Amino acid sequence: MTTTIQRVTDEYSACGLPLALRTNGLYADAIAVTVRHLADIRFERAPTPAELRLVCEYCAYFINAPAWVLPKRELAMLRASVIHIATVADLANWLWGCKQIGLRPL
C-alpha cells in the first residue's frame, strides 16, 4: 500500500488568499497534532519530523500568499525564515511573528 501525499500548490483564491488546504488529508492531521502539542506540550505528543515538514510546507504556502502585502519588512522576514524552521520551538517563534502582524496560519 502506498501513501500519496497531497502537496501544497501555488494556487490561491481569486483575491490572493490561501486556500483551506489544511482541511484535507495529511496536512490536516499534521496541523492538528502540532496545534495540540503547542497548546499543551506536557501531555500532547510532539509532531514527527514528517508532520513538522508538512506543517512547514503549509506555513510557507500561507505566508507567501499574494494577498499579504503589509507590513513589507515583517512579511519579508517571515517569508525568508519559514524555510529555516527545523524544530517545534522554531515553528512556535515563527507563528508568534505571524501573530504580531495579525496573521494566523494554523
PDB file of N, CA and C in Angstrom:
ATOM      1  N   MET A   1       0.838  -1.181   0.000  1.00  0.00           N
ATOM      2  CA  MET A   1       0.000   0.000   0.000  1.00  0.00           C
ATOM      3  C   MET A   1       0.881   1.242   0.000  1.00  0.00           C
ATOM      4  N   THR A   2       0.619   2.153  -0.906  1.00  0.00           N
ATOM      5  CA  THR A   2       1.393   3.388  -0.964  1.00  0.00           C
ATOM      6  C   THR A   2       0.545   4.545  -0.479  1.00  0.00           C
ATOM      7  N   THR A   3       1.196   5.504   0.125  1.00  0.00           N
ATOM      8  CA  THR A   3       0.510   6.686   0.621  1.00  0.00           C
ATOM      9  C   THR A   3       0.837   7.851  -0.290  1.00  0.00           C
ATOM     10  N   THR A   4      -0.177   8.520  -0.754  1.00  0.00           N
ATOM     11  CA  THR A   4       0.020   9.689  -1.592  1.00  0.00           C
ATOM     12  C   THR A   4      -0.054  10.930  -0.716  1.00  0.00           C
ATOM     13  N   ILE A   5       0.959  11.751  -0.791  1.00  0.00           N
ATOM     14  CA  ILE A   5       0.974  12.991  -0.021  1.00  0.00           C
ATOM     15  C   ILE A   5       0.402  14.100  -0.876  1.00  0.00           C
ATOM     16  N   GLN A   6      -0.594  14.774  -0.328  1.00  0.00           N
ATOM     17  CA  GLN A   6      -1.183  15.917  -1.017  1.00  0.00           C
ATOM     18  C   GLN A   6      -0.223  17.093  -0.868  1.00  0.00           C
ATOM     19  N   ARG A   7       0.263  17.602  -1.939  1.00  0.00           N
ATOM     20  CA  ARG A   7       1.210  18.716  -1.893  1.00  0.00           C
ATOM     21  C   ARG A   7       0.481  20.048  -1.907  1.00  0.00           C
ATOM     22  N   VAL A   8       1.030  20.993  -1.152  1.00  0.00           N
ATOM     23  CA  VAL A   8       0.501  22.348  -1.209  1.00  0.00           C
ATOM     24  C   VAL A   8       0.921  22.922  -2.547  1.00  0.00           C
ATOM     25  N   THR A   9       0.008  23.559  -3.226  1.00  0.00           N
ATOM     26  CA  THR A   9       0.321  24.120  -4.530  1.00  0.00           C
ATOM     27  C   THR A   9       0.489  25.624  -4.422  1.00  0.00           C
ATOM     28  N   ASP A  10       0.719  26.239  -5.544  1.00  0.00           N
ATOM     29  CA  ASP A  10       0.830  27.688  -5.578  1.00  0.00           C
ATOM     30  C   ASP A  10      -0.506  28.334  -5.921  1.00  0.00           C
ATOM     31  N   GLU A  11      -1.586  27.593  -5.775  1.00  0.00           N
ATOM     32  CA  GLU A  11      -2.900  28.133  -6.092  1.00  0.00           C
ATOM     33  C   GLU A  11      -3.450  28.899  -4.896  1.00  0.00           C
ATOM     34  N   TYR A  12      -4.025  30.043  -5.198  1.00  0.00           N
ATOM     35  CA  TYR A  12      -4.643  30.891  -4.175  1.00  0.00           C
ATOM     36  C   TYR A  12      -6.028  31.288  -4.672  1.00  0.00           C
ATOM     37  N   SER A  13      -6.828  31.853  -3.784  1.00  0.00           N
ATOM     38  CA  SER A  13      -8.151  32.291  -4.196  1.00  0.00           C
ATOM     39  C   SER A  13      -8.028  33.460  -5.170  1.00  0.00           C
ATOM     40  N   ALA A  14      -9.143  33.853  -5.759  1.00  0.00           N
ATOM     41  CA  ALA A  14      -9.137  34.937  -6.746  1.00  0.00           C
ATOM     42  C   ALA A  14      -8.583  36.237  -6.166  1.00  0.00           C
ATOM     43  N   CYS A  15      -8.755  36.446  -4.874  1.00  0.00           N
ATOM     44  CA  CYS A  15      -8.244  37.684  -4.266  1.00  0.00           C
ATOM     45  C   CYS A  15      -6.873  37.488  -3.616  1.00  0.00           C
ATOM     46  N   GLY A  16      -6.236  36.341  -3.877  1.00  0.00           N
ATOM     47  CA  GLY A  16      -4.869  36.127  -3.407  1.00  0.00           C
ATOM     48  C   GLY A  16      -4.740  35.527  -2.035  1.00  0.00           C
ATOM     49  N   LEU A  17      -5.833  35.050  -1.450  1.00  0.00           N
ATOM     50  CA  LEU A  17      -5.776  34.441  -0.128  1.00  0.00           C
ATOM     51  C   LEU A  17      -5.456  32.952  -0.239  1.00  0.00           C
ATOM     52  N   PRO A  18      -4.833  32.382   0.804  1.00  0.00           N
ATOM     53  CA  PRO A  18      -4.550  30.948   0.771  1.00  0.00           C
ATOM     54  C   PRO A  18      -5.846  30.148   0.802  1.00  0.00           C
ATOM     55  N   LEU A  19      -5.846  29.032   0.094  1.00  0.00           N
ATOM     56  CA  LEU A  19      -6.997  28.135   0.121  1.00  0.00           C
ATOM     57  C   LEU A  19      -6.953  27.310   1.402  1.00  0.00           C
ATOM     58  N   ALA A  20      -8.054  26.730   1.771  1.00  0.00           N
ATOM     59  CA  ALA A  20      -8.141  25.953   3.008  1.00  0.00           C
ATOM     60  C   ALA A  20      -7.655  24.529   2.791  1.00  0.00           C
ATOM     61  N   LEU A  21      -6.434  24.368   2.285  1.00  0.00           N
ATOM     62  CA  LEU A  21      -5.885  23.035   2.033  1.00  0.00           C
ATOM     63  C   LEU A  21      -5.627  22.276   3.322  1.00  0.00           C
ATOM     64  N   ARG A  22      -5.490  22.989   4.419  1.00  0.00           N
ATOM     65  CA  ARG A  22      -5.198  22.313   5.674  1.00  0.00           C
ATOM     66  C   ARG A  22      -6.362  21.472   6.168  1.00  0.00           C
ATOM     67  N   THR A  23      -7.517  21.583   5.540  1.00  0.00           N
ATOM     68  CA  THR A  23      -8.666  20.808   5.981  1.00  0.00           C
ATOM     69  C   THR A  23      -8.699  19.419   5.369  1.00  0.00           C
ATOM     70  N   ASN A  24      -7.743  19.083   4.535  1.00  0.00           N
ATOM     71  CA  ASN A  24      -7.754  17.801   3.836  1.00  0.00           C
ATOM     72  C   ASN A  24      -6.514  16.972   4.139  1.00  0.00           C
ATOM     73  N   GLY A  25      -6.699  15.685   4.355  1.00  0.00           N
ATOM     74  CA  GLY A  25      -5.628  14.706   4.343  1.00  0.00           C
ATOM     75  C   GLY A  25      -4.526  14.866   5.357  1.00  0.00           C
ATOM     76  N   LEU A  26      -3.312  14.565   4.897  1.00  0.00           N
ATOM     77  CA  LEU A  26      -2.158  14.531   5.780  1.00  0.00           C
ATOM     78  C   LEU A  26      -1.827  15.899   6.370  1.00  0.00           C
ATOM     79  N   TYR A  27      -2.079  16.966   5.620  1.00  0.00           N
ATOM     80  CA  TYR A  27      -1.827  18.300   6.161  1.00  0.00           C
ATOM     81  C   TYR A  27      -2.708  18.556   7.375  1.00  0.00           C
ATOM     82  N   ALA A  28      -3.979  18.186   7.275  1.00  0.00           N
ATOM     83  CA  ALA A  28      -4.909  18.388   8.393  1.00  0.00           C
ATOM     84  C   ALA A  28      -4.453  17.611   9.623  1.00  0.00           C
ATOM     85  N   ASP A  29      -4.040  16.382   9.420  1.00  0.00           N
ATOM     86  CA  ASP A  29      -3.578  15.567  10.541  1.00  0.00           C
ATOM     87  C   ASP A  29      -2.330  16.159  11.178  1.00  0.00           C
ATOM     88  N   ALA A  30      -1.375  16.549  10.365  1.00  0.00           N
ATOM     89  CA  ALA A  30      -0.126  17.115  10.884  1.00  0.00           C
ATOM     90  C   ALA A  30      -0.381  18.426  11.611  1.00  0.00           C
ATOM     91  N   ILE A  31      -1.245  19.256  11.059  1.00  0.00           N
ATOM     92  CA  ILE A  31      -1.561  20.534  11.707  1.00  0.00           C
ATOM     93  C   ILE A  31      -2.281  20.292  13.025  1.00  0.00           C
ATOM     94  N   ALA A  32      -3.204  19.340  13.057  1.00  0.00           N
ATOM     95  CA  ALA A  32      -3.932  19.041  14.298  1.00  0.00           C
ATOM     96  C   ALA A  32      -2.979  18.580  15.396  1.00  0.00           C
ATOM     97  N   VAL A  33      -2.064  17.684  15.069  1.00  0.00           N
ATOM     98  CA  VAL A  33      -1.087  17.200  16.048  1.00  0.00           C
ATOM     99  C   VAL A  33      -0.229  18.359  16.552  1.00  0.00           C
ATOM    100  N   THR A  34       0.210  19.196  15.646  1.00  0.00           N
ATOM    101  CA  THR A  34       1.087  20.314  16.014  1.00  0.00           C
ATOM    102  C   THR A  34       0.364  21.330  16.886  1.00  0.00           C
ATOM    103  N   VAL A  35      -0.858  21.669  16.525  1.00  0.00           N
ATOM    104  CA  VAL A  35      -1.630  22.640  17.306  1.00  0.00           C
ATOM    105  C   VAL A  35      -1.893  22.098  18.708  1.00  0.00           C
ATOM    106  N   ARG A  36      -2.253  20.821  18.809  1.00  0.00           N
ATOM    107  CA  ARG A  36      -2.481  20.228  20.139  1.00  0.00           C
ATOM    108  C   ARG A  36      -1.197  20.248  20.964  1.00  0.00           C
ATOM    109  N   HIS A  37      -0.077  19.933  20.337  1.00  0.00           N
ATOM    110  CA  HIS A  37       1.197  19.930  21.058  1.00  0.00           C
ATOM    111  C   HIS A  37       1.571  21.340  21.514  1.00  0.00           C
ATOM    112  N   LEU A  38       1.402  22.316  20.652  1.00  0.00           N
ATOM    113  CA  LEU A  38       1.738  23.692  21.038  1.00  0.00           C
ATOM    114  C   LEU A  38       0.837  24.192  22.163  1.00  0.00           C
ATOM    115  N   ALA A  39      -0.393  23.706  22.207  1.00  0.00           N
ATOM    116  CA  ALA A  39      -1.319  24.121  23.259  1.00  0.00           C
ATOM    117  C   ALA A  39      -0.978  23.488  24.607  1.00  0.00           C
ATOM    118  N   ASP A  40      -0.418  22.282  24.589  1.00  0.00           N
ATOM    119  CA  ASP A  40      -0.092  21.585  25.835  1.00  0.00           C
ATOM    120  C   ASP A  40       1.093  20.643  25.604  1.00  0.00           C
ATOM    121  N   ILE A  41       2.289  21.198  25.682  1.00  0.00           N
ATOM    122  CA  ILE A  41       3.479  20.422  25.347  1.00  0.00           C
ATOM    123  C   ILE A  41       3.765  19.307  26.351  1.00  0.00           C
ATOM    124  N   ARG A  42       3.181  19.383  27.533  1.00  0.00           N
ATOM    125  CA  ARG A  42       3.441  18.347  28.537  1.00  0.00           C
ATOM    126  C   ARG A  42       2.694  17.052  28.261  1.00  0.00           C
ATOM    127  N   PHE A  43       1.494  17.159  27.712  1.00  0.00           N
ATOM    128  CA  PHE A  43       0.654  15.966  27.589  1.00  0.00           C
ATOM    129  C   PHE A  43       0.324  15.553  26.159  1.00  0.00           C
ATOM    130  N   GLU A  44       0.596  16.392  25.203  1.00  0.00           N
ATOM    131  CA  GLU A  44       0.319  16.045  23.809  1.00  0.00           C
ATOM    132  C   GLU A  44       1.633  15.713  23.113  1.00  0.00           C
ATOM    133  N   ARG A  45       1.607  14.677  22.294  1.00  0.00           N
ATOM    134  CA  ARG A  45       2.835  14.259  21.629  1.00  0.00           C
ATOM    135  C   ARG A  45       3.313  15.314  20.640  1.00  0.00           C
ATOM    136  N   ALA A  46       4.614  15.373  20.483  1.00  0.00           N
ATOM    137  CA  ALA A  46       5.211  16.291  19.507  1.00  0.00           C
ATOM    138  C   ALA A  46       4.996  15.732  18.103  1.00  0.00           C
ATOM    139  N   PRO A  47       4.913  16.604  17.119  1.00  0.00           N
ATOM    140  CA  PRO A  47       4.800  16.112  15.746  1.00  0.00           C
ATOM    141  C   PRO A  47       6.078  15.386  15.338  1.00  0.00           C
ATOM    142  N   THR A  48       5.920  14.390  14.498  1.00  0.00           N
ATOM    143  CA  THR A  48       7.083  13.688  13.960  1.00  0.00           C
ATOM    144  C   THR A  48       7.802  14.632  12.996  1.00  0.00           C
ATOM    145  N   PRO A  49       9.034  14.323  12.629  1.00  0.00           N
ATOM    146  CA  PRO A  49       9.715  15.171  11.638  1.00  0.00           C
ATOM    147  C   PRO A  49       8.928  15.296  10.330  1.00  0.00           C
ATOM    148  N   ALA A  50       8.283  14.216   9.895  1.00  0.00           N
ATOM    149  CA  ALA A  50       7.480  14.276   8.666  1.00  0.00           C
ATOM    150  C   ALA A  50       6.269  15.195   8.846  1.00  0.00           C
ATOM    151  N   GLU A  51       5.624  15.119  10.010  1.00  0.00           N
ATOM    152  CA  GLU A  51       4.480  16.003  10.275  1.00  0.00           C
ATOM    153  C   GLU A  51       4.924  17.455  10.351  1.00  0.00           C
ATOM    154  N   LEU A  52       6.053  17.695  10.998  1.00  0.00           N
ATOM    155  CA  LEU A  52       6.572  19.065  11.082  1.00  0.00           C
ATOM    156  C   LEU A  52       6.892  19.607   9.694  1.00  0.00           C
ATOM    157  N   ARG A  53       7.432  18.750   8.830  1.00  0.00           N
ATOM    158  CA  ARG A  53       7.722  19.166   7.452  1.00  0.00           C
ATOM    159  C   ARG A  53       6.437  19.575   6.726  1.00  0.00           C
ATOM    160  N   LEU A  54       5.375  18.798   6.896  1.00  0.00           N
ATOM    161  CA  LEU A  54       4.098  19.141   6.261  1.00  0.00           C
ATOM    162  C   LEU A  54       3.557  20.472   6.783  1.00  0.00           C
ATOM    163  N   VAL A  55       3.660  20.681   8.086  1.00  0.00           N
ATOM    164  CA  VAL A  55       3.188  21.939   8.671  1.00  0.00           C
ATOM    165  C   VAL A  55       4.007  23.109   8.126  1.00  0.00           C
ATOM    166  N   CYS A  56       5.312  22.924   8.009  1.00  0.00           N
ATOM    167  CA  CYS A  56       6.170  23.981   7.469  1.00  0.00           C
ATOM    168  C   CYS A  56       5.854  24.266   6.007  1.00  0.00           C
ATOM    169  N   GLU A  57       5.537  23.215   5.237  1.00  0.00           N
ATOM    170  CA  GLU A  57       5.133  23.421   3.839  1.00  0.00           C
ATOM    171  C   GLU A  57       3.865  24.262   3.774  1.00  0.00           C
ATOM    172  N   TYR A  58       2.910  23.940   4.627  1.00  0.00           N
ATOM    173  CA  TYR A  58       1.672  24.722   4.632  1.00  0.00           C
ATOM    174  C   TYR A  58       1.951  26.163   5.064  1.00  0.00           C
ATOM    175  N   CYS A  59       2.793  26.348   6.067  1.00  0.00           N
ATOM    176  CA  CYS A  59       3.113  27.702   6.541  1.00  0.00           C
ATOM    177  C   CYS A  59       3.803  28.509   5.440  1.00  0.00           C
ATOM    178  N   ALA A  60       4.680  27.878   4.685  1.00  0.00           N
ATOM    179  CA  ALA A  60       5.347  28.571   3.572  1.00  0.00           C
ATOM    180  C   ALA A  60       4.325  28.973   2.523  1.00  0.00           C
ATOM    181  N   TYR A  61       3.413  28.066   2.210  1.00  0.00           N
ATOM    182  CA  TYR A  61       2.331  28.378   1.263  1.00  0.00           C
ATOM    183  C   TYR A  61       1.500  29.553   1.788  1.00  0.00           C
ATOM    184  N   PHE A  62       1.143  29.506   3.062  1.00  0.00           N
ATOM    185  CA  PHE A  62       0.298  30.533   3.673  1.00  0.00           C
ATOM    186  C   PHE A  62       0.971  31.906   3.640  1.00  0.00           C
ATOM    187  N   ILE A  63       2.211  31.976   4.093  1.00  0.00           N
ATOM    188  CA  ILE A  63       2.877  33.275   4.228  1.00  0.00           C
ATOM    189  C   ILE A  63       3.224  33.881   2.876  1.00  0.00           C
ATOM    190  N   ASN A  64       3.315  33.067   1.837  1.00  0.00           N
ATOM    191  CA  ASN A  64       3.630  33.580   0.504  1.00  0.00           C
ATOM    192  C   ASN A  64       2.401  33.957  -0.308  1.00  0.00           C
ATOM    193  N   ALA A  65       1.245  33.955   0.301  1.00  0.00           N
ATOM    194  CA  ALA A  65       0.015  34.343  -0.398  1.00  0.00           C
ATOM    195  C   ALA A  65       0.138  35.782  -0.904  1.00  0.00           C
ATOM    196  N   PRO A  66      -0.280  36.033  -2.143  1.00  0.00           N
ATOM    197  CA  PRO A  66      -0.175  37.376  -2.712  1.00  0.00           C
ATOM    198  C   PRO A  66      -0.999  38.431  -1.975  1.00  0.00           C
ATOM    199  N   ALA A  67      -2.003  38.016  -1.225  1.00  0.00           N
ATOM    200  CA  ALA A  67      -2.851  38.976  -0.514  1.00  0.00           C
ATOM    201  C   ALA A  67      -2.100  39.687   0.606  1.00  0.00           C
ATOM    202  N   TRP A  68      -1.081  39.036   1.160  1.00  0.00           N
ATOM    203  CA  TRP A  68      -0.339  39.652   2.256  1.00  0.00           C
ATOM    204  C   TRP A  68       0.713  40.588   1.674  1.00  0.00           C
ATOM    205  N   VAL A  69       0.526  41.880   1.852  1.00  0.00           N
ATOM    206  CA  VAL A  69       1.469  42.854   1.305  1.00  0.00           C
ATOM    207  C   VAL A  69       2.047  43.788   2.368  1.00  0.00           C
ATOM    208  N   LEU A  70       1.358  43.965   3.460  1.00  0.00           N
ATOM    209  CA  LEU A  70       1.833  44.864   4.511  1.00  0.00           C
ATOM    210  C   LEU A  70       1.783  44.154   5.850  1.00  0.00           C
ATOM    211  N   PRO A  71       2.697  44.414   6.721  1.00  0.00           N
ATOM    212  CA  PRO A  71       3.888  45.261   6.622  1.00  0.00           C
ATOM    213  C   PRO A  71       5.002  44.558   5.845  1.00  0.00           C
ATOM    214  N   LYS A  72       5.559  45.257   4.892  1.00  0.00           N
ATOM    215  CA  LYS A  72       6.516  44.674   3.955  1.00  0.00           C
ATOM    216  C   LYS A  72       7.735  44.070   4.640  1.00  0.00           C
ATOM    217  N   ARG A  73       8.313  44.798   5.553  1.00  0.00           N
ATOM    218  CA  ARG A  73       9.551  44.340   6.196  1.00  0.00           C
ATOM    219  C   ARG A  73       9.320  43.054   6.981  1.00  0.00           C
ATOM    220  N   GLU A  74       8.269  43.024   7.785  1.00  0.00           N
ATOM    221  CA  GLU A  74       7.972  41.850   8.598  1.00  0.00           C
ATOM    222  C   GLU A  74       7.594  40.652   7.729  1.00  0.00           C
ATOM    223  N   LEU A  75       6.818  40.903   6.678  1.00  0.00           N
ATOM    224  CA  LEU A  75       6.461  39.818   5.767  1.00  0.00           C
ATOM    225  C   LEU A  75       7.695  39.238   5.089  1.00  0.00           C
ATOM    226  N   ALA A  76       8.594  40.086   4.681  1.00  0.00           N
ATOM    227  CA  ALA A  76       9.829  39.614   4.048  1.00  0.00           C
ATOM    228  C   ALA A  76      10.631  38.740   5.013  1.00  0.00           C
ATOM    229  N   MET A  77      10.689  39.150   6.259  1.00  0.00           N
ATOM    230  CA  MET A  77      11.424  38.366   7.258  1.00  0.00           C
ATOM    231  C   MET A  77      10.742  37.018   7.496  1.00  0.00           C
ATOM    232  N   LEU A  78       9.415  37.006   7.602  1.00  0.00           N
ATOM    233  CA  LEU A  78       8.690  35.753   7.818  1.00  0.00           C
ATOM    234  C   LEU A  78       8.807  34.833   6.609  1.00  0.00           C
ATOM    235  N   ARG A  79       8.742  35.408   5.417  1.00  0.00           N
ATOM    236  CA  ARG A  79       8.866  34.600   4.198  1.00  0.00           C
ATOM    237  C   ARG A  79      10.257  33.986   4.083  1.00  0.00           C
ATOM    238  N   ALA A  80      11.258  34.727   4.475  1.00  0.00           N
ATOM    239  CA  ALA A  80      12.627  34.205   4.399  1.00  0.00           C
ATOM    240  C   ALA A  80      12.893  33.171   5.494  1.00  0.00           C
ATOM    241  N   SER A  81      12.309  33.371   6.655  1.00  0.00           N
ATOM    242  CA  SER A  81      12.628  32.489   7.786  1.00  0.00           C
ATOM    243  C   SER A  81      11.823  31.195   7.808  1.00  0.00           C
ATOM    244  N   VAL A  82      10.696  31.135   7.116  1.00  0.00           N
ATOM    245  CA  VAL A  82       9.866  29.924   7.173  1.00  0.00           C
ATOM    246  C   VAL A  82      10.616  28.703   6.645  1.00  0.00           C
ATOM    247  N   ILE A  83      11.519  28.894   5.725  1.00  0.00           N
ATOM    248  CA  ILE A  83      12.247  27.751   5.161  1.00  0.00           C
ATOM    249  C   ILE A  83      13.316  27.211   6.105  1.00  0.00           C
ATOM    250  N   HIS A  84      13.589  27.929   7.187  1.00  0.00           N
ATOM    251  CA  HIS A  84      14.620  27.515   8.135  1.00  0.00           C
ATOM    252  C   HIS A  84      14.045  26.868   9.391  1.00  0.00           C
ATOM    253  N   ILE A  85      12.739  26.679   9.449  1.00  0.00           N
ATOM    254  CA  ILE A  85      12.122  26.057  10.623  1.00  0.00           C
ATOM    255  C   ILE A  85      12.543  24.591  10.672  1.00  0.00           C
ATOM    256  N   ALA A  86      13.142  24.203  11.796  1.00  0.00           N
ATOM    257  CA  ALA A  86      13.630  22.825  11.934  1.00  0.00           C
ATOM    258  C   ALA A  86      13.063  22.121  13.161  1.00  0.00           C
ATOM    259  N   THR A  87      12.532  22.887  14.105  1.00  0.00           N
ATOM    260  CA  THR A  87      12.013  22.305  15.347  1.00  0.00           C
ATOM    261  C   THR A  87      10.657  22.917  15.676  1.00  0.00           C
ATOM    262  N   VAL A  88       9.986  22.300  16.625  1.00  0.00           N
ATOM    263  CA  VAL A  88       8.704  22.842  17.082  1.00  0.00           C
ATOM    264  C   VAL A  88       8.915  24.219  17.715  1.00  0.00           C
ATOM    265  N   ALA A  89      10.028  24.404  18.410  1.00  0.00           N
ATOM    266  CA  ALA A  89      10.325  25.707  19.009  1.00  0.00           C
ATOM    267  C   ALA A  89      10.510  26.770  17.925  1.00  0.00           C
ATOM    268  N   ASP A  90      11.199  26.413  16.848  1.00  0.00           N
ATOM    269  CA  ASP A  90      11.349  27.340  15.721  1.00  0.00           C
ATOM    270  C   ASP A  90       9.977  27.713  15.160  1.00  0.00           C
ATOM    271  N   LEU A  91       9.117  26.708  15.017  1.00  0.00           N
ATOM    272  CA  LEU A  91       7.775  26.955  14.498  1.00  0.00           C
ATOM    273  C   LEU A  91       6.991  27.864  15.425  1.00  0.00           C
ATOM    274  N   ALA A  92       7.080  27.633  16.723  1.00  0.00           N
ATOM    275  CA  ALA A  92       6.365  28.468  17.690  1.00  0.00           C
ATOM    276  C   ALA A  92       6.826  29.917  17.588  1.00  0.00           C
ATOM    277  N   ASN A  93       8.120  30.133  17.452  1.00  0.00           N
ATOM    278  CA  ASN A  93       8.638  31.501  17.308  1.00  0.00           C
ATOM    279  C   ASN A  93       8.162  32.130  16.001  1.00  0.00           C
ATOM    280  N   TRP A  94       8.154  31.355  14.931  1.00  0.00           N
ATOM    281  CA  TRP A  94       7.693  31.865  13.645  1.00  0.00           C
ATOM    282  C   TRP A  94       6.210  32.227  13.717  1.00  0.00           C
ATOM    283  N   LEU A  95       5.412  31.376  14.349  1.00  0.00           N
ATOM    284  CA  LEU A  95       3.977  31.654  14.497  1.00  0.00           C
ATOM    285  C   LEU A  95       3.743  32.908  15.339  1.00  0.00           C
ATOM    286  N   TRP A  96       4.597  33.119  16.340  1.00  0.00           N
ATOM    287  CA  TRP A  96       4.482  34.323  17.157  1.00  0.00           C
ATOM    288  C   TRP A  96       4.728  35.560  16.286  1.00  0.00           C
ATOM    289  N   GLY A  97       5.703  35.483  15.384  1.00  0.00           N
ATOM    290  CA  GLY A  97       5.958  36.592  14.460  1.00  0.00           C
ATOM    291  C   GLY A  97       4.754  36.861  13.573  1.00  0.00           C
ATOM    292  N   CYS A  98       4.095  35.800  13.118  1.00  0.00           N
ATOM    293  CA  CYS A  98       2.880  35.978  12.308  1.00  0.00           C
ATOM    294  C   CYS A  98       1.793  36.661  13.117  1.00  0.00           C
ATOM    295  N   LYS A  99       1.648  36.229  14.359  1.00  0.00           N
ATOM    296  CA  LYS A  99       0.609  36.804  15.225  1.00  0.00           C
ATOM    297  C   LYS A  99       0.842  38.295  15.443  1.00  0.00           C
ATOM    298  N   GLN A 100       2.086  38.700  15.492  1.00  0.00           N
ATOM    299  CA  GLN A 100       2.400  40.106  15.727  1.00  0.00           C
ATOM    300  C   GLN A 100       1.935  41.006  14.593  1.00  0.00           C
ATOM    301  N   ILE A 101       1.753  40.449  13.385  1.00  0.00           N
ATOM    302  CA  ILE A 101       1.252  41.266  12.272  1.00  0.00           C
ATOM    303  C   ILE A 101      -0.177  40.881  11.892  1.00  0.00           C
ATOM    304  N   GLY A 102      -0.827  40.110  12.764  1.00  0.00           N
ATOM    305  CA  GLY A 102      -2.246  39.802  12.571  1.00  0.00           C
ATOM    306  C   GLY A 102      -2.547  38.606  11.699  1.00  0.00           C
ATOM    307  N   LEU A 103      -1.565  37.740  11.458  1.00  0.00           N
ATOM    308  CA  LEU A 103      -1.801  36.544  10.637  1.00  0.00           C
ATOM    309  C   LEU A 103      -1.817  35.297  11.524  1.00  0.00           C
ATOM    310  N   ARG A 104      -2.710  34.368  11.203  1.00  0.00           N
ATOM    311  CA  ARG A 104      -2.811  33.114  11.960  1.00  0.00           C
ATOM    312  C   ARG A 104      -2.821  31.947  10.985  1.00  0.00           C
ATOM    313  N   PRO A 105      -1.653  31.436  10.620  1.00  0.00           N
ATOM    314  CA  PRO A 105      -1.587  30.342   9.657  1.00  0.00           C
ATOM    315  C   PRO A 105      -2.273  29.064  10.129  1.00  0.00           C
ATOM    316  N   LEU A 106      -2.178  28.759  11.424  1.00  0.00           N
ATOM    317  CA  LEU A 106      -2.735  27.498  11.931  1.00  0.00           C
ATOM    318  C   LEU A 106      -3.955  27.748  12.803  1.00  0.00           C
TER     319      LEU A 106
END
